[in-house]
Amino acid sequence: NTSNLTSVGLSQFSKRTTNYYYIGDYDFNSVMGYSSYTSSGSI
């Protein structure tokens, strides 16, 4: 939801495109992911 993300928030959703190793499909249960909502007004 780029229209709701501040510039700081957008920087935390930068898509990696090179030199990364991952396994399987997108993991909605990963400890390394975020939930949909945040309470942060800077994000």
PDB file of all heavy atoms in Angstrom:
ATOM      1  N   ASN A   1       0.859  -1.190   0.000  1.00  0.00           N
ATOM      2  CA  ASN A   1       0.000   0.000   0.000  1.00  0.00           C
ATOM      3  C   ASN A   1       0.894   1.239   0.000  1.00  0.00           C
ATOM      4  O   ASN A   1       1.026   1.947   1.003  1.00  0.00           O
ATOM      5  CB  ASN A   1      -0.922  -0.022   1.218  1.00  0.00           C
ATOM      6  CG  ASN A   1      -1.982   1.063   1.171  1.00  0.00           C
ATOM      7  OD1 ASN A   1      -2.091   1.790   0.171  1.00  0.00           O
ATOM      8  ND2 ASN A   1      -2.758   1.175   2.226  1.00  0.00           N
ATOM      9  N   THR A   2       1.527   1.484  -1.126  1.00  0.00           N
ATOM     10  CA  THR A   2       2.526   2.560  -1.202  1.00  0.00           C
ATOM     11  C   THR A   2       1.942   3.928  -0.880  1.00  0.00           C
ATOM     12  O   THR A   2       2.649   4.800  -0.367  1.00  0.00           O
ATOM     13  CB  THR A   2       3.167   2.594  -2.600  1.00  0.00           C
ATOM     14  OG1 THR A   2       2.139   2.726  -3.585  1.00  0.00           O
ATOM     15  CG2 THR A   2       3.953   1.318  -2.859  1.00  0.00           C
ATOM     16  N   SER A   3       0.659   4.139  -1.163  1.00  0.00           N
ATOM     17  CA  SER A   3       0.059   5.455  -0.907  1.00  0.00           C
ATOM     18  C   SER A   3      -0.052   5.751   0.576  1.00  0.00           C
ATOM     19  O   SER A   3      -0.192   6.917   0.979  1.00  0.00           O
ATOM     20  CB  SER A   3      -1.323   5.539  -1.563  1.00  0.00           C
ATOM     21  OG  SER A   3      -2.206   4.594  -0.991  1.00  0.00           O
ATOM     22  N   ASN A   4       0.005   4.721   1.423  1.00  0.00           N
ATOM     23  CA  ASN A   4      -0.093   4.935   2.868  1.00  0.00           C
ATOM     24  C   ASN A   4       1.269   4.898   3.551  1.00  0.00           C
ATOM     25  O   ASN A   4       1.358   5.143   4.744  1.00  0.00           O
ATOM     26  CB  ASN A   4      -1.010   3.877   3.501  1.00  0.00           C
ATOM     27  CG  ASN A   4      -1.382   4.221   4.932  1.00  0.00           C
ATOM     28  OD1 ASN A   4      -1.605   5.385   5.262  1.00  0.00           O
ATOM     29  ND2 ASN A   4      -1.438   3.210   5.795  1.00  0.00           N
ATOM     30  N   LEU A   5       2.320   4.593   2.807  1.00  0.00           N
ATOM     31  CA  LEU A   5       3.651   4.503   3.397  1.00  0.00           C
ATOM     32  C   LEU A   5       4.390   5.830   3.268  1.00  0.00           C
ATOM     33  O   LEU A   5       4.431   6.426   2.191  1.00  0.00           O
ATOM     34  CB  LEU A   5       4.463   3.398   2.714  1.00  0.00           C
ATOM     35  CG  LEU A   5       4.023   1.962   2.988  1.00  0.00           C
ATOM     36  CD1 LEU A   5       4.776   0.998   2.086  1.00  0.00           C
ATOM     37  CD2 LEU A   5       4.249   1.595   4.452  1.00  0.00           C
ATOM     38  N   THR A   6       4.949   6.275   4.364  1.00  0.00           N
ATOM     39  CA  THR A   6       5.806   7.462   4.321  1.00  0.00           C
ATOM     40  C   THR A   6       7.118   7.088   3.623  1.00  0.00           C
ATOM     41  O   THR A   6       7.352   5.930   3.284  1.00  0.00           O
ATOM     42  CB  THR A   6       6.106   7.960   5.731  1.00  0.00           C
ATOM     43  OG1 THR A   6       6.896   6.970   6.415  1.00  0.00           O
ATOM     44  CG2 THR A   6       4.824   8.217   6.510  1.00  0.00           C
ATOM     45  N   SER A   7       7.978   8.060   3.435  1.00  0.00           N
ATOM     46  CA  SER A   7       9.268   7.764   2.811  1.00  0.00           C
ATOM     47  C   SER A   7      10.070   6.794   3.670  1.00  0.00           C
ATOM     48  O   SER A   7      10.761   5.912   3.153  1.00  0.00           O
ATOM     49  CB  SER A   7      10.047   9.046   2.576  1.00  0.00           C
ATOM     50  OG  SER A   7      10.181   9.785   3.775  1.00  0.00           O
ATOM     51  N   VAL A   8       9.971   6.927   4.991  1.00  0.00           N
ATOM     52  CA  VAL A   8      10.647   5.972   5.879  1.00  0.00           C
ATOM     53  C   VAL A   8      10.017   4.594   5.733  1.00  0.00           C
ATOM     54  O   VAL A   8      10.702   3.573   5.679  1.00  0.00           O
ATOM     55  CB  VAL A   8      10.581   6.461   7.350  1.00  0.00           C
ATOM     56  CG1 VAL A   8      11.099   5.376   8.293  1.00  0.00           C
ATOM     57  CG2 VAL A   8      11.387   7.737   7.523  1.00  0.00           C
ATOM     58  N   GLY A   9       8.691   4.547   5.659  1.00  0.00           N
ATOM     59  CA  GLY A   9       8.002   3.269   5.478  1.00  0.00           C
ATOM     60  C   GLY A   9       8.358   2.602   4.165  1.00  0.00           C
ATOM     61  O   GLY A   9       8.583   1.385   4.108  1.00  0.00           O
ATOM     62  N   LEU A  10       8.417   3.375   3.088  1.00  0.00           N
ATOM     63  CA  LEU A  10       8.774   2.818   1.779  1.00  0.00           C
ATOM     64  C   LEU A  10      10.165   2.193   1.804  1.00  0.00           C
ATOM     65  O   LEU A  10      10.402   1.163   1.168  1.00  0.00           O
ATOM     66  CB  LEU A  10       8.706   3.900   0.713  1.00  0.00           C
ATOM     67  CG  LEU A  10       7.310   4.349   0.266  1.00  0.00           C
ATOM     68  CD1 LEU A  10       7.409   5.599  -0.599  1.00  0.00           C
ATOM     69  CD2 LEU A  10       6.613   3.223  -0.499  1.00  0.00           C
ATOM     70  N   SER A  11      11.086   2.797   2.576  1.00  0.00           N
ATOM     71  CA  SER A  11      12.444   2.261   2.627  1.00  0.00           C
ATOM     72  C   SER A  11      12.484   0.882   3.271  1.00  0.00           C
ATOM     73  O   SER A  11      13.431   0.126   3.057  1.00  0.00           O
ATOM     74  CB  SER A  11      13.361   3.217   3.409  1.00  0.00           C
ATOM     75  OG  SER A  11      13.103   3.178   4.797  1.00  0.00           O
ATOM     76  N   GLN A  12      11.463   0.538   4.037  1.00  0.00           N
ATOM     77  CA  GLN A  12      11.429  -0.759   4.703  1.00  0.00           C
ATOM     78  C   GLN A  12      10.733  -1.822   3.859  1.00  0.00           C
ATOM     79  O   GLN A  12      10.601  -2.968   4.286  1.00  0.00           O
ATOM     80  CB  GLN A  12      10.760  -0.613   6.075  1.00  0.00           C
ATOM     81  CG  GLN A  12      11.531   0.345   6.964  1.00  0.00           C
ATOM     82  CD  GLN A  12      10.995   0.430   8.365  1.00  0.00           C
ATOM     83  OE1 GLN A  12      10.347  -0.472   8.857  1.00  0.00           O
ATOM     84  NE2 GLN A  12      11.269   1.535   9.037  1.00  0.00           N
ATOM     85  N   PHE A  13      10.286  -1.439   2.680  1.00  0.00           N
ATOM     86  CA  PHE A  13       9.678  -2.387   1.754  1.00  0.00           C
ATOM     87  C   PHE A  13      10.441  -2.436   0.431  1.00  0.00           C
ATOM     88  O   PHE A  13       9.884  -2.784  -0.600  1.00  0.00           O
ATOM     89  CB  PHE A  13       8.212  -2.021   1.503  1.00  0.00           C
ATOM     90  CG  PHE A  13       7.297  -2.406   2.633  1.00  0.00           C
ATOM     91  CD1 PHE A  13       7.138  -1.575   3.731  1.00  0.00           C
ATOM     92  CD2 PHE A  13       6.612  -3.608   2.611  1.00  0.00           C
ATOM     93  CE1 PHE A  13       6.311  -1.933   4.782  1.00  0.00           C
ATOM     94  CE2 PHE A  13       5.770  -3.982   3.659  1.00  0.00           C
ATOM     95  CZ  PHE A  13       5.619  -3.138   4.751  1.00  0.00           C
ATOM     96  N   SER A  14      11.731  -2.097   0.474  1.00  0.00           N
ATOM     97  CA  SER A  14      12.536  -2.167  -0.746  1.00  0.00           C
ATOM     98  C   SER A  14      12.674  -3.627  -1.172  1.00  0.00           C
ATOM     99  O   SER A  14      13.024  -4.491  -0.369  1.00  0.00           O
ATOM    100  CB  SER A  14      13.933  -1.565  -0.489  1.00  0.00           C
ATOM    101  OG  SER A  14      13.834  -0.211  -0.137  1.00  0.00           O
ATOM    102  N   LYS A  15      12.417  -3.885  -2.436  1.00  0.00           N
ATOM    103  CA  LYS A  15      12.461  -5.264  -2.932  1.00  0.00           C
ATOM    104  C   LYS A  15      13.893  -5.655  -3.271  1.00  0.00           C
ATOM    105  O   LYS A  15      14.590  -4.942  -3.987  1.00  0.00           O
ATOM    106  CB  LYS A  15      11.555  -5.403  -4.167  1.00  0.00           C
ATOM    107  CG  LYS A  15      11.441  -6.826  -4.677  1.00  0.00           C
ATOM    108  CD  LYS A  15      10.286  -6.973  -5.644  1.00  0.00           C
ATOM    109  CE  LYS A  15      10.439  -6.079  -6.862  1.00  0.00           C
ATOM    110  NZ  LYS A  15       9.372  -6.332  -7.848  1.00  0.00           N
ATOM    111  N   ARG A  16      14.336  -6.786  -2.751  1.00  0.00           N
ATOM    112  CA  ARG A  16      15.679  -7.272  -3.063  1.00  0.00           C
ATOM    113  C   ARG A  16      15.650  -7.964  -4.423  1.00  0.00           C
ATOM    114  O   ARG A  16      14.727  -8.715  -4.728  1.00  0.00           O
ATOM    115  CB  ARG A  16      16.156  -8.257  -1.996  1.00  0.00           C
ATOM    116  CG  ARG A  16      16.124  -7.661  -0.594  1.00  0.00           C
ATOM    117  CD  ARG A  16      16.817  -8.550   0.414  1.00  0.00           C
ATOM    118  NE  ARG A  16      16.265  -9.884   0.513  1.00  0.00           N
ATOM    119  CZ  ARG A  16      15.222 -10.201   1.268  1.00  0.00           C
ATOM    120  NH1 ARG A  16      14.614  -9.276   1.967  1.00  0.00           N
ATOM    121  NH2 ARG A  16      14.788 -11.442   1.324  1.00  0.00           N
ATOM    122  N   THR A  17      16.669  -7.724  -5.217  1.00  0.00           N
ATOM    123  CA  THR A  17      16.685  -8.278  -6.577  1.00  0.00           C
ATOM    124  C   THR A  17      17.951  -9.056  -6.906  1.00  0.00           C
ATOM    125  O   THR A  17      17.996  -9.721  -7.932  1.00  0.00           O
ATOM    126  CB  THR A  17      16.517  -7.157  -7.613  1.00  0.00           C
ATOM    127  OG1 THR A  17      17.554  -6.189  -7.431  1.00  0.00           O
ATOM    128  CG2 THR A  17      15.159  -6.476  -7.455  1.00  0.00           C
ATOM    129  N   THR A  18      19.012  -8.958  -6.074  1.00  0.00           N
ATOM    130  CA  THR A  18      20.244  -9.666  -6.385  1.00  0.00           C
ATOM    131  C   THR A  18      20.839 -10.296  -5.134  1.00  0.00           C
ATOM    132  O   THR A  18      20.651  -9.812  -4.015  1.00  0.00           O
ATOM    133  CB  THR A  18      21.314  -8.706  -6.972  1.00  0.00           C
ATOM    134  OG1 THR A  18      21.596  -7.674  -6.019  1.00  0.00           O
ATOM    135  CG2 THR A  18      20.841  -8.088  -8.271  1.00  0.00           C
ATOM    136  N   ASN A  19      21.574 -11.396  -5.346  1.00  0.00           N
ATOM    137  CA  ASN A  19      22.410 -12.008  -4.315  1.00  0.00           C
ATOM    138  C   ASN A  19      21.676 -12.356  -3.023  1.00  0.00           C
ATOM    139  O   ASN A  19      22.173 -12.107  -1.924  1.00  0.00           O
ATOM    140  CB  ASN A  19      23.595 -11.105  -4.006  1.00  0.00           C
ATOM    141  CG  ASN A  19      24.580 -11.044  -5.150  1.00  0.00           C
ATOM    142  OD1 ASN A  19      24.251 -11.438  -6.270  1.00  0.00           O
ATOM    143  ND2 ASN A  19      25.770 -10.557  -4.893  1.00  0.00           N
ATOM    144  N   TYR A  20      20.533 -12.951  -3.154  1.00  0.00           N
ATOM    145  CA  TYR A  20      19.800 -13.379  -1.974  1.00  0.00           C
ATOM    146  C   TYR A  20      19.310 -14.802  -2.159  1.00  0.00           C
ATOM    147  O   TYR A  20      18.972 -15.229  -3.260  1.00  0.00           O
ATOM    148  CB  TYR A  20      18.634 -12.435  -1.676  1.00  0.00           C
ATOM    149  CG  TYR A  20      19.126 -11.075  -1.267  1.00  0.00           C
ATOM    150  CD1 TYR A  20      19.184 -10.031  -2.176  1.00  0.00           C
ATOM    151  CD2 TYR A  20      19.597 -10.871   0.015  1.00  0.00           C
ATOM    152  CE1 TYR A  20      19.669  -8.806  -1.812  1.00  0.00           C
ATOM    153  CE2 TYR A  20      20.099  -9.638   0.388  1.00  0.00           C
ATOM    154  CZ  TYR A  20      20.137  -8.609  -0.524  1.00  0.00           C
ATOM    155  OH  TYR A  20      20.626  -7.398  -0.157  1.00  0.00           O
ATOM    156  N   TYR A  21      19.271 -15.501  -1.042  1.00  0.00           N
ATOM    157  CA  TYR A  21      18.920 -16.919  -1.039  1.00  0.00           C
ATOM    158  C   TYR A  21      17.629 -17.093  -0.242  1.00  0.00           C
ATOM    159  O   TYR A  21      17.536 -16.654   0.900  1.00  0.00           O
ATOM    160  CB  TYR A  21      20.054 -17.707  -0.383  1.00  0.00           C
ATOM    161  CG  TYR A  21      19.779 -19.171  -0.169  1.00  0.00           C
ATOM    162  CD1 TYR A  21      19.422 -19.988  -1.233  1.00  0.00           C
ATOM    163  CD2 TYR A  21      19.902 -19.737   1.089  1.00  0.00           C
ATOM    164  CE1 TYR A  21      19.191 -21.341  -1.041  1.00  0.00           C
ATOM    165  CE2 TYR A  21      19.675 -21.079   1.293  1.00  0.00           C
ATOM    166  CZ  TYR A  21      19.316 -21.878   0.229  1.00  0.00           C
ATOM    167  OH  TYR A  21      19.085 -23.212   0.423  1.00  0.00           O
ATOM    168  N   TYR A  22      16.633 -17.694  -0.857  1.00  0.00           N
ATOM    169  CA  TYR A  22      15.408 -17.960  -0.123  1.00  0.00           C
ATOM    170  C   TYR A  22      14.875 -19.325  -0.509  1.00  0.00           C
ATOM    171  O   TYR A  22      15.203 -19.865  -1.561  1.00  0.00           O
ATOM    172  CB  TYR A  22      14.355 -16.876  -0.343  1.00  0.00           C
ATOM    173  CG  TYR A  22      13.959 -16.620  -1.782  1.00  0.00           C
ATOM    174  CD1 TYR A  22      12.857 -17.241  -2.342  1.00  0.00           C
ATOM    175  CD2 TYR A  22      14.680 -15.716  -2.568  1.00  0.00           C
ATOM    176  CE1 TYR A  22      12.481 -16.995  -3.655  1.00  0.00           C
ATOM    177  CE2 TYR A  22      14.320 -15.457  -3.879  1.00  0.00           C
ATOM    178  CZ  TYR A  22      13.222 -16.101  -4.408  1.00  0.00           C
ATOM    179  OH  TYR A  22      12.868 -15.854  -5.709  1.00  0.00           O
ATOM    180  N   ILE A  23      14.032 -19.878   0.352  1.00  0.00           N
ATOM    181  CA  ILE A  23      13.513 -21.234   0.191  1.00  0.00           C
ATOM    182  C   ILE A  23      11.997 -21.182   0.107  1.00  0.00           C
ATOM    183  O   ILE A  23      11.341 -20.523   0.922  1.00  0.00           O
ATOM    184  CB  ILE A  23      13.941 -22.126   1.374  1.00  0.00           C
ATOM    185  CG1 ILE A  23      15.445 -22.382   1.338  1.00  0.00           C
ATOM    186  CG2 ILE A  23      13.198 -23.453   1.359  1.00  0.00           C
ATOM    187  CD1 ILE A  23      15.963 -23.189   2.518  1.00  0.00           C
ATOM    188  N   GLY A  24      11.440 -21.871  -0.873  1.00  0.00           N
ATOM    189  CA  GLY A  24      10.000 -22.027  -0.942  1.00  0.00           C
ATOM    190  C   GLY A  24       9.254 -20.761  -1.335  1.00  0.00           C
ATOM    191  O   GLY A  24       9.836 -19.747  -1.712  1.00  0.00           O
ATOM    192  N   ASP A  25       7.930 -20.848  -1.266  1.00  0.00           N
ATOM    193  CA  ASP A  25       7.077 -19.719  -1.601  1.00  0.00           C
ATOM    194  C   ASP A  25       7.106 -18.684  -0.476  1.00  0.00           C
ATOM    195  O   ASP A  25       7.661 -18.910   0.601  1.00  0.00           O
ATOM    196  CB  ASP A  25       5.640 -20.192  -1.817  1.00  0.00           C
ATOM    197  CG  ASP A  25       5.506 -21.088  -3.048  1.00  0.00           C
ATOM    198  OD1 ASP A  25       6.371 -20.976  -3.944  1.00  0.00           O
ATOM    199  OD2 ASP A  25       4.560 -21.886  -3.095  1.00  0.00           O
ATOM    200  N   TYR A  26       6.485 -17.554  -0.735  1.00  0.00           N
ATOM    201  CA  TYR A  26       6.382 -16.502   0.278  1.00  0.00           C
ATOM    202  C   TYR A  26       5.812 -17.087   1.559  1.00  0.00           C
ATOM    203  O   TYR A  26       4.834 -17.832   1.554  1.00  0.00           O
ATOM    204  CB  TYR A  26       5.489 -15.383  -0.243  1.00  0.00           C
ATOM    205  CG  TYR A  26       5.525 -14.125   0.579  1.00  0.00           C
ATOM    206  CD1 TYR A  26       6.295 -13.043   0.173  1.00  0.00           C
ATOM    207  CD2 TYR A  26       4.810 -14.021   1.765  1.00  0.00           C
ATOM    208  CE1 TYR A  26       6.343 -11.867   0.924  1.00  0.00           C
ATOM    209  CE2 TYR A  26       4.851 -12.870   2.523  1.00  0.00           C
ATOM    210  CZ  TYR A  26       5.614 -11.799   2.104  1.00  0.00           C
ATOM    211  OH  TYR A  26       5.661 -10.646   2.854  1.00  0.00           O
ATOM    212  N   ASP A  27       6.430 -16.747   2.681  1.00  0.00           N
ATOM    213  CA  ASP A  27       6.075 -17.356   3.961  1.00  0.00           C
ATOM    214  C   ASP A  27       5.346 -16.341   4.832  1.00  0.00           C
ATOM    215  O   ASP A  27       5.960 -15.471   5.442  1.00  0.00           O
ATOM    216  CB  ASP A  27       7.355 -17.843   4.653  1.00  0.00           C
ATOM    217  CG  ASP A  27       7.072 -18.659   5.894  1.00  0.00           C
ATOM    218  OD1 ASP A  27       5.890 -18.776   6.277  1.00  0.00           O
ATOM    219  OD2 ASP A  27       8.038 -19.191   6.475  1.00  0.00           O
ATOM    220  N   PHE A  28       4.024 -16.462   4.884  1.00  0.00           N
ATOM    221  CA  PHE A  28       3.231 -15.534   5.684  1.00  0.00           C
ATOM    222  C   PHE A  28       3.369 -15.791   7.177  1.00  0.00           C
ATOM    223  O   PHE A  28       2.834 -15.033   7.990  1.00  0.00           O
ATOM    224  CB  PHE A  28       1.753 -15.618   5.272  1.00  0.00           C
ATOM    225  CG  PHE A  28       1.482 -15.072   3.900  1.00  0.00           C
ATOM    226  CD1 PHE A  28       1.233 -15.923   2.830  1.00  0.00           C
ATOM    227  CD2 PHE A  28       1.494 -13.705   3.669  1.00  0.00           C
ATOM    228  CE1 PHE A  28       0.986 -15.418   1.557  1.00  0.00           C
ATOM    229  CE2 PHE A  28       1.249 -13.195   2.398  1.00  0.00           C
ATOM    230  CZ  PHE A  28       0.999 -14.055   1.346  1.00  0.00           C
ATOM    231  N   ASN A  29       4.050 -16.861   7.549  1.00  0.00           N
ATOM    232  CA  ASN A  29       4.249 -17.181   8.958  1.00  0.00           C
ATOM    233  C   ASN A  29       5.673 -16.912   9.428  1.00  0.00           C
ATOM    234  O   ASN A  29       6.029 -17.226  10.560  1.00  0.00           O
ATOM    235  CB  ASN A  29       3.916 -18.651   9.212  1.00  0.00           C
ATOM    236  CG  ASN A  29       2.475 -18.967   8.925  1.00  0.00           C
ATOM    237  OD1 ASN A  29       1.591 -18.720   9.734  1.00  0.00           O
ATOM    238  ND2 ASN A  29       2.223 -19.520   7.747  1.00  0.00           N
ATOM    239  N   SER A  30       6.508 -16.342   8.579  1.00  0.00           N
ATOM    240  CA  SER A  30       7.911 -16.150   8.915  1.00  0.00           C
ATOM    241  C   SER A  30       8.094 -15.168  10.063  1.00  0.00           C
ATOM    242  O   SER A  30       7.412 -14.141  10.135  1.00  0.00           O
ATOM    243  CB  SER A  30       8.681 -15.636   7.691  1.00  0.00           C
ATOM    244  OG  SER A  30      10.013 -15.310   8.047  1.00  0.00           O
ATOM    245  N   VAL A  31       9.028 -15.483  10.945  1.00  0.00           N
ATOM    246  CA  VAL A  31       9.385 -14.569  12.019  1.00  0.00           C
ATOM    247  C   VAL A  31      10.044 -13.309  11.468  1.00  0.00           C
ATOM    248  O   VAL A  31      10.167 -12.303  12.172  1.00  0.00           O
ATOM    249  CB  VAL A  31      10.323 -15.270  13.039  1.00  0.00           C
ATOM    250  CG1 VAL A  31      11.733 -15.414  12.486  1.00  0.00           C
ATOM    251  CG2 VAL A  31      10.334 -14.543  14.376  1.00  0.00           C
ATOM    252  N   MET A  32      10.436 -13.339  10.200  1.00  0.00           N
ATOM    253  CA  MET A  32      11.132 -12.211   9.582  1.00  0.00           C
ATOM    254  C   MET A  32      10.192 -11.292   8.814  1.00  0.00           C
ATOM    255  O   MET A  32      10.643 -10.402   8.090  1.00  0.00           O
ATOM    256  CB  MET A  32      12.239 -12.715   8.646  1.00  0.00           C
ATOM    257  CG  MET A  32      13.252 -13.617   9.326  1.00  0.00           C
ATOM    258  SD  MET A  32      13.913 -12.925  10.859  1.00  0.00           S
ATOM    259  CE  MET A  32      14.777 -11.488  10.246  1.00  0.00           C
ATOM    260  N   GLY A  33       8.906 -11.491   8.958  1.00  0.00           N
ATOM    261  CA  GLY A  33       7.950 -10.635   8.265  1.00  0.00           C
ATOM    262  C   GLY A  33       7.203  -9.722   9.229  1.00  0.00           C
ATOM    263  O   GLY A  33       7.306  -9.835  10.446  1.00  0.00           O
ATOM    264  N   TYR A  34       6.443  -8.805   8.678  1.00  0.00           N
ATOM    265  CA  TYR A  34       5.620  -7.882   9.464  1.00  0.00           C
ATOM    266  C   TYR A  34       4.143  -8.184   9.229  1.00  0.00           C
ATOM    267  O   TYR A  34       3.762  -8.724   8.191  1.00  0.00           O
ATOM    268  CB  TYR A  34       5.878  -6.429   9.058  1.00  0.00           C
ATOM    269  CG  TYR A  34       7.261  -5.917   9.353  1.00  0.00           C
ATOM    270  CD1 TYR A  34       7.838  -4.954   8.529  1.00  0.00           C
ATOM    271  CD2 TYR A  34       7.992  -6.377  10.440  1.00  0.00           C
ATOM    272  CE1 TYR A  34       9.103  -4.462   8.794  1.00  0.00           C
ATOM    273  CE2 TYR A  34       9.261  -5.904  10.711  1.00  0.00           C
ATOM    274  CZ  TYR A  34       9.812  -4.941   9.884  1.00  0.00           C
ATOM    275  OH  TYR A  34      11.065  -4.463  10.138  1.00  0.00           O
ATOM    276  N   SER A  35       3.327  -7.802  10.206  1.00  0.00           N
ATOM    277  CA  SER A  35       1.887  -7.860  10.022  1.00  0.00           C
ATOM    278  C   SER A  35       1.431  -6.684   9.150  1.00  0.00           C
ATOM    279  O   SER A  35       2.199  -5.765   8.872  1.00  0.00           O
ATOM    280  CB  SER A  35       1.175  -7.824  11.368  1.00  0.00           C
ATOM    281  OG  SER A  35       1.469  -8.988  12.124  1.00  0.00           O
ATOM    282  N   SER A  36       0.177  -6.729   8.734  1.00  0.00           N
ATOM    283  CA  SER A  36      -0.328  -5.709   7.819  1.00  0.00           C
ATOM    284  C   SER A  36      -0.355  -4.318   8.438  1.00  0.00           C
ATOM    285  O   SER A  36      -0.130  -3.318   7.754  1.00  0.00           O
ATOM    286  CB  SER A  36      -1.735  -6.077   7.348  1.00  0.00           C
ATOM    287  OG  SER A  36      -1.699  -7.142   6.429  1.00  0.00           O
ATOM    288  N   TYR A  37      -0.650  -4.255   9.740  1.00  0.00           N
ATOM    289  CA  TYR A  37      -0.831  -2.955  10.378  1.00  0.00           C
ATOM    290  C   TYR A  37       0.364  -2.586  11.256  1.00  0.00           C
ATOM    291  O   TYR A  37       1.058  -3.451  11.790  1.00  0.00           O
ATOM    292  CB  TYR A  37      -2.090  -2.959  11.249  1.00  0.00           C
ATOM    293  CG  TYR A  37      -3.367  -2.843  10.454  1.00  0.00           C
ATOM    294  CD1 TYR A  37      -4.089  -3.977  10.111  1.00  0.00           C
ATOM    295  CD2 TYR A  37      -3.847  -1.605  10.053  1.00  0.00           C
ATOM    296  CE1 TYR A  37      -5.257  -3.883   9.378  1.00  0.00           C
ATOM    297  CE2 TYR A  37      -5.024  -1.498   9.325  1.00  0.00           C
ATOM    298  CZ  TYR A  37      -5.729  -2.635   8.987  1.00  0.00           C
ATOM    299  OH  TYR A  37      -6.877  -2.526   8.258  1.00  0.00           O
ATOM    300  N   THR A  38       0.580  -1.289  11.392  1.00  0.00           N
ATOM    301  CA  THR A  38       1.543  -0.752  12.340  1.00  0.00           C
ATOM    302  C   THR A  38       0.912   0.427  13.059  1.00  0.00           C
ATOM    303  O   THR A  38       0.033   1.104  12.503  1.00  0.00           O
ATOM    304  CB  THR A  38       2.842  -0.300  11.643  1.00  0.00           C
ATOM    305  OG1 THR A  38       3.721   0.275  12.620  1.00  0.00           O
ATOM    306  CG2 THR A  38       2.558   0.748  10.579  1.00  0.00           C
ATOM    307  N   SER A  39       1.364   0.651  14.277  1.00  0.00           N
ATOM    308  CA  SER A  39       0.869   1.801  15.042  1.00  0.00           C
ATOM    309  C   SER A  39       1.785   3.005  14.898  1.00  0.00           C
ATOM    310  O   SER A  39       1.565   4.043  15.524  1.00  0.00           O
ATOM    311  CB  SER A  39       0.765   1.429  16.528  1.00  0.00           C
ATOM    312  OG  SER A  39       2.038   1.040  17.031  1.00  0.00           O
ATOM    313  N   SER A  40       2.799   2.893  14.040  1.00  0.00           N
ATOM    314  CA  SER A  40       3.810   3.937  13.912  1.00  0.00           C
ATOM    315  C   SER A  40       3.407   4.997  12.894  1.00  0.00           C
ATOM    316  O   SER A  40       3.248   4.711  11.706  1.00  0.00           O
ATOM    317  CB  SER A  40       5.155   3.325  13.494  1.00  0.00           C
ATOM    318  OG  SER A  40       6.077   4.349  13.178  1.00  0.00           O
ATOM    319  N   GLY A  41       3.313   6.236  13.360  1.00  0.00           N
ATOM    320  CA  GLY A  41       2.996   7.330  12.469  1.00  0.00           C
ATOM    321  C   GLY A  41       4.155   7.745  11.588  1.00  0.00           C
ATOM    322  O   GLY A  41       3.953   8.507  10.632  1.00  0.00           O
ATOM    323  N   SER A  42       5.374   7.264  11.874  1.00  0.00           N
ATOM    324  CA  SER A  42       6.497   7.567  10.993  1.00  0.00           C
ATOM    325  C   SER A  42       6.584   6.583   9.833  1.00  0.00           C
ATOM    326  O   SER A  42       7.294   6.833   8.860  1.00  0.00           O
ATOM    327  CB  SER A  42       7.810   7.542  11.779  1.00  0.00           C
ATOM    328  OG  SER A  42       8.122   6.234  12.207  1.00  0.00           O
ATOM    329  N   ILE A  43       5.844   5.477   9.925  1.00  0.00           N
ATOM    330  CA  ILE A  43       5.861   4.446   8.876  1.00  0.00           C
ATOM    331  C   ILE A  43       4.703   4.635   7.908  1.00  0.00           C
ATOM    332  O   ILE A  43       4.855   4.489   6.697  1.00  0.00           O
ATOM    333  CB  ILE A  43       5.805   3.035   9.505  1.00  0.00           C
ATOM    334  CG1 ILE A  43       6.987   2.824  10.453  1.00  0.00           C
ATOM    335  CG2 ILE A  43       5.789   1.964   8.420  1.00  0.00           C
ATOM    336  CD1 ILE A  43       8.336   2.892   9.809  1.00  0.00           C
TER     337      ILE A  43
END
